[in-house]
């Protein structure tokens, strides 16, 4: 069942192709300083499929100058877990972007309007509207409903301050409603943890480790 899809495409001649479908922000990946990723390759570090799940880890060093991106994905029948590291030498703005399918049925507590949003942040960002956010280190969860099934995106508690941002982008009327969500951090290096609970069986998520400790771990 499709839950966090690729954005699709449009006729190349249409402005929305360049302004949305081809942009970094329109994909479930990391955006640095609200800029586009460079065309580049990546190195597959681990690939382990199995009957009840699997894992994959990959690293890219040329997507953004001065930033190493390292992502590990774990998939089971009940959840999808993601550990995404971004490592640089100077402070950057890191946005880990998600595009879940369906309607939002429960938002994180404390969301407030993103007053400082100018709407002209670059390709993809300039299509967003009605942004809301909540900031801090606490765990956050947003629940969606798609085809009468509910699932949730969970940001675990972490020592790094995170802005949990929710918005709207009316791009593709032929698809079910989508609500872009992104986790924003300003740091030289950071490791994001996230879990998609597909069945409602995830009772708790805890992220341990840190950049300084040299490892990251999700306890689910």
C-alpha atoms as a PDB file:
ATOM      1  CA  UNK A   1       0.000   0.000   0.000  1.00  0.00           C
ATOM      2  CA  UNK A   2       1.433   3.355  -1.068  1.00  0.00           C
ATOM      3  CA  UNK A   3       1.960   5.610   1.976  1.00  0.00           C
ATOM      4  CA  UNK A   4       4.983   7.861   1.313  1.00  0.00           C
ATOM      5  CA  UNK A   5       5.121   8.148  -2.479  1.00  0.00           C
ATOM      6  CA  UNK A   6       7.411   9.720  -4.996  1.00  0.00           C
ATOM      7  CA  UNK A   7       5.757  12.990  -6.132  1.00  0.00           C
ATOM      8  CA  UNK A   8       5.091  11.735  -9.670  1.00  0.00           C
ATOM      9  CA  UNK A   9       5.648  13.929 -12.690  1.00  0.00           C
ATOM     10  CA  UNK A  10       4.088  16.421 -15.082  1.00  0.00           C
ATOM     11  CA  UNK A  11       4.659  17.571 -18.641  1.00  0.00           C
ATOM     12  CA  UNK A  12       8.197  18.924 -18.760  1.00  0.00           C
ATOM     13  CA  UNK A  13       6.974  22.154 -20.358  1.00  0.00           C
ATOM     14  CA  UNK A  14       4.796  23.023 -17.380  1.00  0.00           C
ATOM     15  CA  UNK A  15       6.356  25.330 -14.737  1.00  0.00           C
ATOM     16  CA  UNK A  16       5.148  23.016 -11.972  1.00  0.00           C
ATOM     17  CA  UNK A  17       7.577  20.342 -13.216  1.00  0.00           C
ATOM     18  CA  UNK A  18      10.552  22.540 -12.327  1.00  0.00           C
ATOM     19  CA  UNK A  19       8.887  24.229  -9.337  1.00  0.00           C
ATOM     20  CA  UNK A  20       7.746  21.004  -7.657  1.00  0.00           C
ATOM     21  CA  UNK A  21       8.048  17.561  -9.229  1.00  0.00           C
ATOM     22  CA  UNK A  22      11.775  17.759  -9.933  1.00  0.00           C
ATOM     23  CA  UNK A  23      12.734  19.477  -6.680  1.00  0.00           C
ATOM     24  CA  UNK A  24      14.550  17.959  -3.738  1.00  0.00           C
ATOM     25  CA  UNK A  25      11.817  19.100  -1.353  1.00  0.00           C
ATOM     26  CA  UNK A  26       9.154  17.146  -3.250  1.00  0.00           C
ATOM     27  CA  UNK A  27      10.927  13.886  -2.340  1.00  0.00           C
ATOM     28  CA  UNK A  28      11.273  12.012   0.937  1.00  0.00           C
ATOM     29  CA  UNK A  29      14.857  13.023   1.565  1.00  0.00           C
ATOM     30  CA  UNK A  30      17.147  15.621   3.120  1.00  0.00           C
ATOM     31  CA  UNK A  31      17.324  19.228   1.965  1.00  0.00           C
ATOM     32  CA  UNK A  32      20.281  21.371   3.052  1.00  0.00           C
ATOM     33  CA  UNK A  33      19.971  25.163   3.345  1.00  0.00           C
ATOM     34  CA  UNK A  34      16.720  24.964   1.297  1.00  0.00           C
ATOM     35  CA  UNK A  35      18.764  24.230  -1.835  1.00  0.00           C
ATOM     36  CA  UNK A  36      18.628  21.511  -4.468  1.00  0.00           C
ATOM     37  CA  UNK A  37      20.718  18.374  -4.210  1.00  0.00           C
ATOM     38  CA  UNK A  38      23.405  17.977  -6.857  1.00  0.00           C
ATOM     39  CA  UNK A  39      23.090  15.132  -9.333  1.00  0.00           C
ATOM     40  CA  UNK A  40      25.401  12.502  -7.919  1.00  0.00           C
ATOM     41  CA  UNK A  41      25.858   8.870  -7.092  1.00  0.00           C
ATOM     42  CA  UNK A  42      25.831   7.111  -3.739  1.00  0.00           C
ATOM     43  CA  UNK A  43      27.550   4.148  -2.142  1.00  0.00           C
ATOM     44  CA  UNK A  44      25.483   1.202  -0.939  1.00  0.00           C
ATOM     45  CA  UNK A  45      26.932   0.157   2.428  1.00  0.00           C
ATOM     46  CA  UNK A  46      24.479  -2.579   3.419  1.00  0.00           C
ATOM     47  CA  UNK A  47      21.578  -4.493   1.865  1.00  0.00           C
ATOM     48  CA  UNK A  48      19.874  -7.306   3.768  1.00  0.00           C
ATOM     49  CA  UNK A  49      16.423  -8.435   2.573  1.00  0.00           C
ATOM     50  CA  UNK A  50      14.451 -11.012   4.547  1.00  0.00           C
ATOM     51  CA  UNK A  51      11.073 -12.733   4.687  1.00  0.00           C
ATOM     52  CA  UNK A  52       9.730 -10.551   7.500  1.00  0.00           C
ATOM     53  CA  UNK A  53      11.645  -7.364   6.729  1.00  0.00           C
ATOM     54  CA  UNK A  54      14.929  -5.951   5.622  1.00  0.00           C
ATOM     55  CA  UNK A  55      17.430  -3.153   5.912  1.00  0.00           C
ATOM     56  CA  UNK A  56      19.493  -0.950   3.642  1.00  0.00           C
ATOM     57  CA  UNK A  57      22.182   1.664   4.286  1.00  0.00           C
ATOM     58  CA  UNK A  58      23.685   4.107   1.788  1.00  0.00           C
ATOM     59  CA  UNK A  59      25.957   7.151   1.837  1.00  0.00           C
ATOM     60  CA  UNK A  60      26.302  10.180  -0.454  1.00  0.00           C
ATOM     61  CA  UNK A  61      29.190  12.636  -0.247  1.00  0.00           C
ATOM     62  CA  UNK A  62      28.538  14.875  -3.272  1.00  0.00           C
ATOM     63  CA  UNK A  63      24.845  15.780  -2.973  1.00  0.00           C
ATOM     64  CA  UNK A  64      25.762  18.946  -1.061  1.00  0.00           C
ATOM     65  CA  UNK A  65      29.290  20.410  -0.863  1.00  0.00           C
ATOM     66  CA  UNK A  66      30.745  19.838   2.589  1.00  0.00           C
ATOM     67  CA  UNK A  67      27.977  17.499   3.808  1.00  0.00           C
ATOM     68  CA  UNK A  68      28.055  13.703   4.099  1.00  0.00           C
ATOM     69  CA  UNK A  69      24.608  12.079   4.069  1.00  0.00           C
ATOM     70  CA  UNK A  70      24.266   8.603   5.590  1.00  0.00           C
ATOM     71  CA  UNK A  71      20.871   6.871   5.671  1.00  0.00           C
ATOM     72  CA  UNK A  72      19.761   3.536   7.123  1.00  0.00           C
ATOM     73  CA  UNK A  73      16.272   2.155   6.472  1.00  0.00           C
ATOM     74  CA  UNK A  74      14.648  -0.745   8.345  1.00  0.00           C
ATOM     75  CA  UNK A  75      11.348  -2.235   7.133  1.00  0.00           C
ATOM     76  CA  UNK A  76       9.110  -4.718   8.949  1.00  0.00           C
ATOM     77  CA  UNK A  77       5.452  -5.666   8.524  1.00  0.00           C
ATOM     78  CA  UNK A  78       4.473  -3.220  11.269  1.00  0.00           C
ATOM     79  CA  UNK A  79       6.747  -0.230  10.845  1.00  0.00           C
ATOM     80  CA  UNK A  80       9.346   1.545   8.783  1.00  0.00           C
ATOM     81  CA  UNK A  81      12.308   2.990  10.712  1.00  0.00           C
ATOM     82  CA  UNK A  82      14.726   5.573   9.383  1.00  0.00           C
ATOM     83  CA  UNK A  83      18.075   6.858  10.697  1.00  0.00           C
ATOM     84  CA  UNK A  84      19.410   9.739   8.614  1.00  0.00           C
ATOM     85  CA  UNK A  85      22.742  11.343   9.465  1.00  0.00           C
ATOM     86  CA  UNK A  86      24.015  14.642   8.071  1.00  0.00           C
ATOM     87  CA  UNK A  87      27.632  15.508   8.824  1.00  0.00           C
ATOM     88  CA  UNK A  88      29.321  18.832   8.056  1.00  0.00           C
ATOM     89  CA  UNK A  89      31.884  21.255   9.466  1.00  0.00           C
ATOM     90  CA  UNK A  90      29.751  24.389   9.710  1.00  0.00           C
ATOM     91  CA  UNK A  91      26.202  25.095  10.816  1.00  0.00           C
ATOM     92  CA  UNK A  92      23.627  24.284   8.144  1.00  0.00           C
ATOM     93  CA  UNK A  93      19.834  24.170   7.967  1.00  0.00           C
ATOM     94  CA  UNK A  94      18.799  20.535   7.582  1.00  0.00           C
ATOM     95  CA  UNK A  95      15.228  19.655   6.573  1.00  0.00           C
ATOM     96  CA  UNK A  96      14.266  15.976   6.546  1.00  0.00           C
ATOM     97  CA  UNK A  97      11.151  15.911   4.358  1.00  0.00           C
ATOM     98  CA  UNK A  98       8.224  13.466   4.315  1.00  0.00           C
ATOM     99  CA  UNK A  99       5.186  13.262   2.012  1.00  0.00           C
ATOM    100  CA  UNK A 100       2.651  10.926   3.652  1.00  0.00           C
ATOM    101  CA  UNK A 101      -0.560  10.050   1.821  1.00  0.00           C
ATOM    102  CA  UNK A 102      -3.974  10.740   3.314  1.00  0.00           C
ATOM    103  CA  UNK A 103      -5.696  13.235   5.568  1.00  0.00           C
ATOM    104  CA  UNK A 104      -4.323  14.380   8.906  1.00  0.00           C
ATOM    105  CA  UNK A 105      -6.538  13.156  11.750  1.00  0.00           C
ATOM    106  CA  UNK A 106      -4.296  14.118  14.682  1.00  0.00           C
ATOM    107  CA  UNK A 107      -1.582  16.770  14.798  1.00  0.00           C
ATOM    108  CA  UNK A 108       1.200  17.206  17.352  1.00  0.00           C
ATOM    109  CA  UNK A 109       0.151  19.321  20.315  1.00  0.00           C
ATOM    110  CA  UNK A 110       1.271  22.936  20.381  1.00  0.00           C
ATOM    111  CA  UNK A 111       1.442  23.645  16.638  1.00  0.00           C
ATOM    112  CA  UNK A 112       1.459  27.367  15.850  1.00  0.00           C
ATOM    113  CA  UNK A 113       1.683  29.382  12.605  1.00  0.00           C
ATOM    114  CA  UNK A 114       5.129  29.569  11.013  1.00  0.00           C
ATOM    115  CA  UNK A 115       5.133  33.381  11.121  1.00  0.00           C
ATOM    116  CA  UNK A 116       8.605  33.829   9.666  1.00  0.00           C
ATOM    117  CA  UNK A 117       7.835  31.882   6.491  1.00  0.00           C
ATOM    118  CA  UNK A 118       8.253  34.113   3.422  1.00  0.00           C
ATOM    119  CA  UNK A 119       7.092  31.549   0.852  1.00  0.00           C
ATOM    120  CA  UNK A 120      10.045  32.140  -1.466  1.00  0.00           C
ATOM    121  CA  UNK A 121      12.559  29.718  -0.043  1.00  0.00           C
ATOM    122  CA  UNK A 122      13.481  28.131  -3.341  1.00  0.00           C
ATOM    123  CA  UNK A 123      12.195  25.327  -5.582  1.00  0.00           C
ATOM    124  CA  UNK A 124       9.606  23.208  -3.792  1.00  0.00           C
ATOM    125  CA  UNK A 125       9.468  25.440  -0.745  1.00  0.00           C
ATOM    126  CA  UNK A 126       7.734  28.144  -2.767  1.00  0.00           C
ATOM    127  CA  UNK A 127       4.738  25.848  -3.272  1.00  0.00           C
ATOM    128  CA  UNK A 128       4.002  25.507   0.451  1.00  0.00           C
ATOM    129  CA  UNK A 129       1.260  27.263   2.361  1.00  0.00           C
ATOM    130  CA  UNK A 130      -0.444  27.217   5.791  1.00  0.00           C
ATOM    131  CA  UNK A 131       2.714  26.130   7.588  1.00  0.00           C
ATOM    132  CA  UNK A 132       2.564  25.330  11.297  1.00  0.00           C
ATOM    133  CA  UNK A 133       5.306  24.146  13.614  1.00  0.00           C
ATOM    134  CA  UNK A 134       6.263  23.147  17.131  1.00  0.00           C
ATOM    135  CA  UNK A 135       9.831  23.278  18.420  1.00  0.00           C
ATOM    136  CA  UNK A 136      11.768  21.411  21.075  1.00  0.00           C
ATOM    137  CA  UNK A 137      13.409  18.090  21.920  1.00  0.00           C
ATOM    138  CA  UNK A 138      10.276  16.117  22.879  1.00  0.00           C
ATOM    139  CA  UNK A 139       8.836  13.240  20.874  1.00  0.00           C
ATOM    140  CA  UNK A 140       6.136  14.231  18.353  1.00  0.00           C
ATOM    141  CA  UNK A 141       3.576  12.241  16.375  1.00  0.00           C
ATOM    142  CA  UNK A 142       1.244  13.026  13.494  1.00  0.00           C
ATOM    143  CA  UNK A 143      -1.505  10.568  12.474  1.00  0.00           C
ATOM    144  CA  UNK A 144      -2.877  10.159   8.948  1.00  0.00           C
ATOM    145  CA  UNK A 145      -5.808   8.242   7.490  1.00  0.00           C
ATOM    146  CA  UNK A 146      -5.610   6.759   3.999  1.00  0.00           C
ATOM    147  CA  UNK A 147      -8.140   4.299   2.524  1.00  0.00           C
ATOM    148  CA  UNK A 148      -9.798   3.952   5.950  1.00  0.00           C
ATOM    149  CA  UNK A 149      -6.512   2.913   7.574  1.00  0.00           C
ATOM    150  CA  UNK A 150      -4.559   4.978  10.073  1.00  0.00           C
ATOM    151  CA  UNK A 151      -0.811   5.226  10.418  1.00  0.00           C
ATOM    152  CA  UNK A 152       1.552   7.644  12.133  1.00  0.00           C
ATOM    153  CA  UNK A 153       4.873   9.389  11.627  1.00  0.00           C
ATOM    154  CA  UNK A 154       6.848   9.547  14.870  1.00  0.00           C
ATOM    155  CA  UNK A 155       9.796  11.784  15.715  1.00  0.00           C
ATOM    156  CA  UNK A 156      11.470  10.358  18.832  1.00  0.00           C
ATOM    157  CA  UNK A 157      12.798  12.470  21.680  1.00  0.00           C
ATOM    158  CA  UNK A 158      16.284  13.732  20.933  1.00  0.00           C
ATOM    159  CA  UNK A 159      18.877  16.023  22.470  1.00  0.00           C
ATOM    160  CA  UNK A 160      18.956  18.121  19.274  1.00  0.00           C
ATOM    161  CA  UNK A 161      16.277  20.806  19.085  1.00  0.00           C
ATOM    162  CA  UNK A 162      13.896  20.128  16.183  1.00  0.00           C
ATOM    163  CA  UNK A 163      11.202  22.155  14.471  1.00  0.00           C
ATOM    164  CA  UNK A 164       8.371  19.787  13.496  1.00  0.00           C
ATOM    165  CA  UNK A 165       6.734  21.560  10.529  1.00  0.00           C
ATOM    166  CA  UNK A 166       3.421  20.688   8.833  1.00  0.00           C
ATOM    167  CA  UNK A 167       2.094  22.402   5.705  1.00  0.00           C
ATOM    168  CA  UNK A 168      -0.014  22.138   2.568  1.00  0.00           C
ATOM    169  CA  UNK A 169       0.953  21.853  -1.091  1.00  0.00           C
ATOM    170  CA  UNK A 170      -1.900  21.492  -3.586  1.00  0.00           C
ATOM    171  CA  UNK A 171       0.036  20.145  -6.533  1.00  0.00           C
ATOM    172  CA  UNK A 172      -1.583  16.989  -7.912  1.00  0.00           C
ATOM    173  CA  UNK A 173      -5.417  16.978  -7.721  1.00  0.00           C
ATOM    174  CA  UNK A 174      -5.578  13.471  -9.188  1.00  0.00           C
ATOM    175  CA  UNK A 175      -3.985  11.987  -6.046  1.00  0.00           C
ATOM    176  CA  UNK A 176      -5.214  11.642  -2.505  1.00  0.00           C
ATOM    177  CA  UNK A 177      -4.475  14.602  -0.237  1.00  0.00           C
ATOM    178  CA  UNK A 178      -0.846  15.014   0.803  1.00  0.00           C
ATOM    179  CA  UNK A 179       0.516  17.019   3.716  1.00  0.00           C
ATOM    180  CA  UNK A 180       4.258  17.706   3.574  1.00  0.00           C
ATOM    181  CA  UNK A 181       5.980  17.285   6.929  1.00  0.00           C
ATOM    182  CA  UNK A 182       9.571  18.182   7.618  1.00  0.00           C
ATOM    183  CA  UNK A 183      11.901  18.070  10.591  1.00  0.00           C
ATOM    184  CA  UNK A 184      14.236  21.088  10.701  1.00  0.00           C
ATOM    185  CA  UNK A 185      17.506  21.372  12.598  1.00  0.00           C
ATOM    186  CA  UNK A 186      20.266  23.955  12.480  1.00  0.00           C
ATOM    187  CA  UNK A 187      23.600  22.307  13.268  1.00  0.00           C
ATOM    188  CA  UNK A 188      26.911  21.299  11.742  1.00  0.00           C
ATOM    189  CA  UNK A 189      26.080  17.626  12.159  1.00  0.00           C
ATOM    190  CA  UNK A 190      22.988  15.776  13.336  1.00  0.00           C
ATOM    191  CA  UNK A 191      21.240  12.407  13.165  1.00  0.00           C
ATOM    192  CA  UNK A 192      17.481  12.249  12.587  1.00  0.00           C
ATOM    193  CA  UNK A 193      15.455   9.273  13.755  1.00  0.00           C
ATOM    194  CA  UNK A 194      11.924   8.625  12.506  1.00  0.00           C
ATOM    195  CA  UNK A 195       9.403   5.791  12.520  1.00  0.00           C
ATOM    196  CA  UNK A 196       6.327   5.164  10.369  1.00  0.00           C
ATOM    197  CA  UNK A 197       3.924   3.052  12.398  1.00  0.00           C
ATOM    198  CA  UNK A 198       1.936   1.174   9.739  1.00  0.00           C
ATOM    199  CA  UNK A 199      -0.326  -0.931  11.958  1.00  0.00           C
ATOM    200  CA  UNK A 200      -0.654   0.922  15.275  1.00  0.00           C
ATOM    201  CA  UNK A 201       1.467  -1.652  17.078  1.00  0.00           C
ATOM    202  CA  UNK A 202       4.398   0.652  17.902  1.00  0.00           C
ATOM    203  CA  UNK A 203       4.055   1.463  21.599  1.00  0.00           C
ATOM    204  CA  UNK A 204       7.178   3.561  22.091  1.00  0.00           C
ATOM    205  CA  UNK A 205      10.198   4.869  20.196  1.00  0.00           C
ATOM    206  CA  UNK A 206      13.462   5.907  21.822  1.00  0.00           C
ATOM    207  CA  UNK A 207      16.529   7.307  20.091  1.00  0.00           C
ATOM    208  CA  UNK A 208      19.899   6.823  21.742  1.00  0.00           C
ATOM    209  CA  UNK A 209      23.450   7.754  20.828  1.00  0.00           C
ATOM    210  CA  UNK A 210      24.656  11.015  19.347  1.00  0.00           C
ATOM    211  CA  UNK A 211      27.096  12.513  16.873  1.00  0.00           C
ATOM    212  CA  UNK A 212      29.649  12.894  19.677  1.00  0.00           C
ATOM    213  CA  UNK A 213      29.206   9.280  20.769  1.00  0.00           C
ATOM    214  CA  UNK A 214      29.657   8.110  17.203  1.00  0.00           C
ATOM    215  CA  UNK A 215      26.496   6.046  16.837  1.00  0.00           C
ATOM    216  CA  UNK A 216      22.705   6.299  16.613  1.00  0.00           C
ATOM    217  CA  UNK A 217      20.096   3.730  17.599  1.00  0.00           C
ATOM    218  CA  UNK A 218      16.310   3.477  17.568  1.00  0.00           C
ATOM    219  CA  UNK A 219      14.614   1.343  20.226  1.00  0.00           C
ATOM    220  CA  UNK A 220      11.101   0.399  19.073  1.00  0.00           C
END
